[in-house]
Protein backbone atom coordinates (compact mmCIF):
# COMPACT_ATOMS: atom_id res chain seq x y z
CA MET A 1 140.19 124.67 64.71
CA ARG A 2 137.52 126.43 64.55
CA LEU A 3 135.55 123.09 64.60
CA TRP A 4 137.56 121.37 66.91
CA CYS A 5 136.64 124.68 69.04
CA CYS A 6 133.26 124.20 68.91
CA LEU A 7 133.41 120.05 69.49
CA LEU A 8 135.68 121.28 72.36
CA MET A 9 132.61 123.79 74.00
CA GLY A 10 129.88 121.12 72.98
CA VAL A 11 131.31 118.15 75.55
CA CYS A 12 132.43 120.53 78.04
CA LEU A 13 128.63 121.74 77.83
CA LEU A 14 127.35 118.15 77.88
CA ALA A 15 129.71 117.62 80.93
CA GLN A 16 127.92 120.64 83.20
CA ALA A 17 124.32 119.23 82.13
CA LYS A 18 122.11 118.15 85.00
CA THR A 19 119.63 115.45 85.01
CA ARG A 20 115.99 116.71 85.28
CA VAL A 21 114.20 115.17 87.78
CA GLU A 22 110.67 115.75 89.03
CA ILE A 23 109.62 114.65 93.05
CA LEU A 24 105.45 114.86 93.42
CA ALA A 25 104.23 116.59 96.59
CA ASP A 26 101.28 116.70 98.74
CA ALA A 27 99.14 119.25 97.31
CA ASN A 28 97.49 119.72 100.32
CA TYR A 29 98.80 119.56 103.58
CA PRO A 30 100.23 122.78 105.16
CA PRO A 31 102.48 123.63 106.88
CA TYR A 32 104.33 120.43 105.61
CA SER A 33 103.24 120.73 101.88
CA TRP A 34 100.73 122.64 99.63
CA GLN A 35 100.39 124.43 96.68
CA GLU A 36 100.01 128.11 96.15
CA GLY A 37 99.38 129.29 92.48
CA GLU A 38 102.01 127.71 90.68
CA GLU A 39 104.42 127.45 93.87
CA VAL A 40 104.77 124.24 96.14
CA LYS A 41 105.30 125.63 99.94
CA GLY A 42 105.63 123.74 103.16
CA ILE A 43 108.46 122.69 105.68
CA TYR A 44 109.10 119.40 103.34
CA ALA A 45 109.33 120.64 100.08
CA ASP A 46 111.55 123.31 101.70
CA ILE A 47 113.64 120.36 102.97
CA VAL A 48 113.79 118.80 100.01
CA ARG A 49 115.14 122.10 98.12
CA SER A 50 117.89 122.74 100.51
CA VAL A 51 119.03 118.77 100.43
CA THR A 52 118.55 118.86 96.58
CA ALA A 53 120.46 122.37 96.05
CA SER A 54 123.74 120.73 96.76
CA MET A 55 123.43 117.63 94.94
CA ASP A 56 125.46 117.57 92.27
CA GLY A 57 124.56 117.03 88.71
CA TYR A 58 120.51 117.38 89.41
CA GLU A 59 118.15 120.11 88.77
CA VAL A 60 114.89 119.07 90.69
CA VAL A 61 111.60 120.35 90.35
CA ILE A 62 109.07 119.81 92.97
CA LYS A 63 105.44 119.38 91.69
CA ALA A 64 102.18 119.25 93.85
CA MET A 65 99.55 116.19 92.98
CA PRO A 66 96.69 114.98 95.05
CA TRP A 67 98.19 112.82 97.36
CA ARG A 68 95.74 109.99 96.27
CA ARG A 69 97.17 111.05 92.42
CA GLY A 70 100.55 111.07 93.24
CA LEU A 71 101.12 107.79 95.10
CA SER A 72 99.21 106.26 92.16
CA MET A 73 101.99 107.28 89.36
CA VAL A 74 104.77 106.54 91.66
CA GLU A 75 102.99 102.88 91.79
CA GLN A 76 102.24 102.81 88.33
CA GLY A 77 106.30 104.30 87.57
CA SER A 78 105.33 107.15 86.10
CA ALA A 79 106.77 108.92 88.71
CA PHE A 80 110.23 108.84 90.07
CA ALA A 81 109.60 109.92 93.70
CA ILE A 82 107.23 111.89 96.33
CA PHE A 83 106.89 113.61 100.01
CA PRO A 84 105.99 112.98 102.53
CA PRO A 85 104.62 109.17 102.59
CA TYR A 86 105.02 107.42 106.61
CA TYR A 87 106.95 104.48 106.63
CA GLN A 88 104.68 101.57 105.14
CA PRO A 89 106.58 98.84 103.44
CA ASP A 90 104.43 96.16 103.62
CA GLY A 91 100.84 98.24 102.94
CA ARG A 92 103.03 99.68 99.76
CA PRO A 93 105.21 96.98 98.51
CA TRP A 94 105.66 99.40 94.82
CA MET A 95 107.30 102.34 97.07
CA TRP A 96 111.23 101.64 97.71
CA PRO A 97 113.42 102.60 99.05
CA TYR A 98 112.72 105.04 101.13
CA SER A 99 114.80 108.15 102.08
CA GLN A 100 115.96 108.91 105.69
CA PRO A 101 113.55 110.37 107.59
CA LEU A 102 112.73 114.35 107.11
CA LEU A 103 110.78 115.30 110.16
CA ASP A 104 109.06 113.94 112.75
CA GLU A 105 105.23 114.17 113.20
CA GLU A 106 102.47 113.69 115.57
CA LEU A 107 99.07 112.07 115.31
CA VAL A 108 96.27 112.55 117.37
CA VAL A 109 92.13 112.76 117.07
CA MET A 110 90.26 115.99 116.59
CA CYS A 111 87.04 116.52 117.07
CA GLY A 112 84.07 118.24 117.94
CA ALA A 113 83.79 119.57 121.73
CA GLY A 114 80.34 118.12 121.64
CA VAL A 115 82.09 114.14 121.43
CA ALA A 116 82.74 113.73 124.93
CA VAL A 117 84.45 110.70 124.75
CA ASN A 118 87.46 112.49 123.11
CA THR A 119 89.74 113.11 125.63
CA PRO A 120 93.51 112.65 125.91
CA GLN A 121 92.79 109.07 127.46
CA ALA A 122 90.32 107.68 125.34
CA GLN A 123 90.67 104.16 123.72
CA PHE A 124 90.64 104.71 119.88
CA PRO A 125 89.86 103.05 118.31
CA THR A 126 86.99 101.08 120.22
CA ASP A 127 85.37 104.21 122.50
CA TYR A 128 84.57 106.02 118.84
CA TYR A 129 82.87 103.39 117.74
CA GLY A 130 78.98 104.91 115.99
CA LEU A 131 81.19 108.28 115.11
CA ARG A 132 81.90 109.76 111.52
CA PHE A 133 85.51 110.23 110.71
CA GLY A 134 86.71 112.47 107.61
CA MET A 135 89.50 111.61 106.64
CA ASN A 136 92.33 113.01 103.92
CA ALA A 137 91.81 111.22 100.54
CA GLY A 138 94.69 108.98 100.37
CA PHE A 139 95.91 108.44 103.83
CA THR A 140 96.16 105.36 105.39
CA ILE A 141 96.74 106.65 109.37
CA GLY A 142 94.92 105.75 112.34
CA GLY A 143 96.41 101.85 112.57
CA ALA A 144 94.84 98.82 111.44
CA PRO A 145 92.01 98.70 114.25
CA PHE A 146 90.66 101.70 112.97
CA TRP A 147 90.47 100.54 109.33
CA GLN A 148 88.93 97.35 110.38
CA ALA A 149 86.20 99.09 112.49
CA ILE A 150 85.75 101.24 109.23
CA LYS A 151 85.34 97.68 107.26
CA GLU A 152 83.22 96.37 109.16
CA GLN A 153 81.24 99.64 109.63
CA LYS A 154 81.31 100.74 113.27
CA ILE A 155 83.56 103.62 112.47
CA GLY A 156 81.97 106.13 109.36
CA LEU A 157 84.47 107.41 106.67
CA GLU A 158 83.94 110.33 104.61
CA GLU A 159 87.34 111.84 102.15
CA VAL A 160 88.07 115.23 101.88
CA LYS A 161 89.91 117.07 99.82
CA SER A 162 92.26 118.50 102.63
CA ASN A 163 92.12 120.04 106.10
CA ARG A 164 90.40 122.57 105.77
CA GLU A 165 87.74 121.26 104.65
CA ASN A 166 87.93 117.75 107.43
CA LEU A 167 87.91 121.00 110.55
CA LEU A 168 85.17 123.18 108.56
CA LYS A 169 83.09 119.62 108.66
CA ILE A 170 83.60 119.07 112.24
CA VAL A 171 82.37 122.76 113.32
CA ARG A 172 79.13 122.58 111.12
CA GLY A 173 78.44 118.90 112.38
CA ARG A 174 78.80 117.15 109.60
CA VAL A 175 81.33 114.74 110.71
CA ASP A 176 82.51 114.19 114.49
CA CYS A 177 86.06 113.97 114.09
CA THR A 178 89.13 113.62 112.19
CA VAL A 179 93.04 111.91 112.57
CA ASN A 180 96.05 113.79 111.59
CA ASP A 181 99.23 115.63 112.51
CA ARG A 182 98.64 117.99 115.24
CA LEU A 183 100.85 121.29 113.61
CA SER A 184 98.96 120.31 110.43
CA LEU A 185 95.72 120.96 112.46
CA LEU A 186 96.60 123.97 114.88
CA TYR A 187 98.45 125.70 111.14
CA GLU A 188 95.28 125.29 109.02
CA MET A 189 93.35 126.86 111.99
CA LEU A 190 95.15 129.75 112.51
CA SER A 191 95.42 130.60 108.88
CA MET A 192 91.25 129.66 108.74
CA ILE A 193 91.16 132.62 111.29
CA LYS A 194 92.97 134.55 109.26
CA GLY A 195 91.15 134.36 106.14
CA ASN A 196 88.01 134.93 107.91
CA GLN A 197 87.03 131.14 107.35
CA LEU A 198 86.89 130.32 111.11
CA ALA A 199 86.00 132.49 113.64
CA VAL A 200 87.88 132.74 116.92
CA ALA A 201 85.20 131.66 118.58
CA ASP A 202 84.87 128.48 116.72
CA MET A 203 88.11 126.99 118.12
CA SER A 204 85.89 126.20 121.17
CA GLN A 205 83.75 123.59 118.95
CA LEU A 206 87.23 121.89 118.44
CA LYS A 207 88.99 119.43 120.92
CA GLN A 208 92.24 117.25 120.62
CA GLY A 209 91.94 113.75 121.73
CA PRO A 210 94.73 110.93 122.36
CA VAL A 211 97.97 110.85 120.33
CA LEU A 212 98.05 108.00 118.64
CA SER A 213 101.74 107.98 117.11
CA ARG A 214 104.68 109.33 116.73
CA GLU A 215 105.17 109.40 112.57
CA GLN A 216 107.80 110.33 110.40
CA GLY A 217 107.85 111.57 106.73
CA PHE A 218 110.29 110.63 104.18
CA LEU A 219 110.85 110.97 100.16
CA GLY A 220 109.58 107.77 99.11
CA TYR A 221 110.77 106.34 95.68
CA SER A 222 108.76 104.12 92.95
CA ARG A 223 110.21 100.43 93.04
CA LYS A 224 108.89 100.38 89.04
CA GLY A 225 109.74 102.40 86.29
CA GLU A 226 113.29 103.47 84.95
CA PHE A 227 115.44 105.59 86.95
CA ASP A 228 118.72 104.84 85.96
CA PHE A 229 119.91 107.76 88.35
CA LYS A 230 118.15 106.47 91.16
CA GLU A 231 120.77 104.53 92.99
CA ASP A 232 122.72 108.14 92.87
CA PHE A 233 119.79 110.04 93.55
CA VAL A 234 119.01 108.09 96.73
CA GLU A 235 122.88 108.06 98.03
CA GLN A 236 123.40 111.65 97.45
CA PHE A 237 119.57 112.62 99.03
CA ASP A 238 120.93 111.00 102.08
CA LYS A 239 124.26 112.43 102.70
CA HIS A 240 123.10 116.13 102.08
CA LEU A 241 119.75 115.35 103.95
CA TYR A 242 122.76 114.00 107.26
CA GLU A 243 124.64 117.48 106.50
CA LEU A 244 121.60 119.50 106.90
CA LYS A 245 120.14 117.71 110.17
CA LYS A 246 124.00 118.32 111.48
CA ARG A 247 123.83 121.82 111.02
CA ASP A 248 120.52 121.99 112.64
CA GLY A 249 118.83 123.82 109.15
CA ILE A 250 115.84 121.38 109.72
CA ARG A 251 114.74 123.07 112.71
CA THR A 252 115.48 126.59 110.99
CA ILE A 253 112.61 125.54 108.17
CA VAL A 254 110.71 124.37 110.77
CA GLU A 255 110.95 127.41 112.77
CA HIS A 256 110.08 129.73 109.32
CA TYR A 257 106.69 128.64 109.29
CA LEU A 258 105.97 127.85 113.04
CA GLY A 259 107.97 129.98 114.80
CA LYS A 260 110.16 128.56 117.88
CA SER A 261 109.63 125.93 119.98
CA PRO A 262 106.54 124.98 118.29
CA ARG A 263 105.95 121.80 120.31
């Protein structure tokens, strides 16, 4: 009798066991995703947590990773998924599928105040020939003409680890401009002022230029690797993401980080 009870308990425990899934996150992209100690914080991290908390059969662990290294792991198939890539199926054929969009982002050019061409009406990238851009390592944003201009050395490029490093380099005159999400740049400026890494007066040394595009962040899955749960996970994730959006949960998460009406 005791043996049967033990066997029955073992079956029940197996039935209740959850599949552990590790998802990579950009370690340097506040307010969307960043690492603080052992914790991964940010808008995207909270969206993914909210979605996966409702998914049956899964224990999801979010691990922060430098963006380029994380992409490499997804490409090799050693990582299951990463957030928040933009939708680039041609440039990243090893990433498929993508989730439904998590959030909208607005890409802008940010330069030092002394870069006279940087106005909302500027033609990008031609008006920026001869300037030097700081770009977060692994980022391929800005469009094909921009990267072609870099290849042809009409525009200089310096890769950095984060928006914080980019902004400091612009203020100190080490690079001229950067391209990134508007809210991410604003959030970083405010954080640097609070942390006494940037003076309020330094804000006058930074100027926003044209809006280049409106992108969306996704959860991107590796096309490679052996993940027998992938099809079910993808389906459940999109289903519960839709439900989170339907109850206005995304807006609540954004307001937690940026306050109401961030745009």
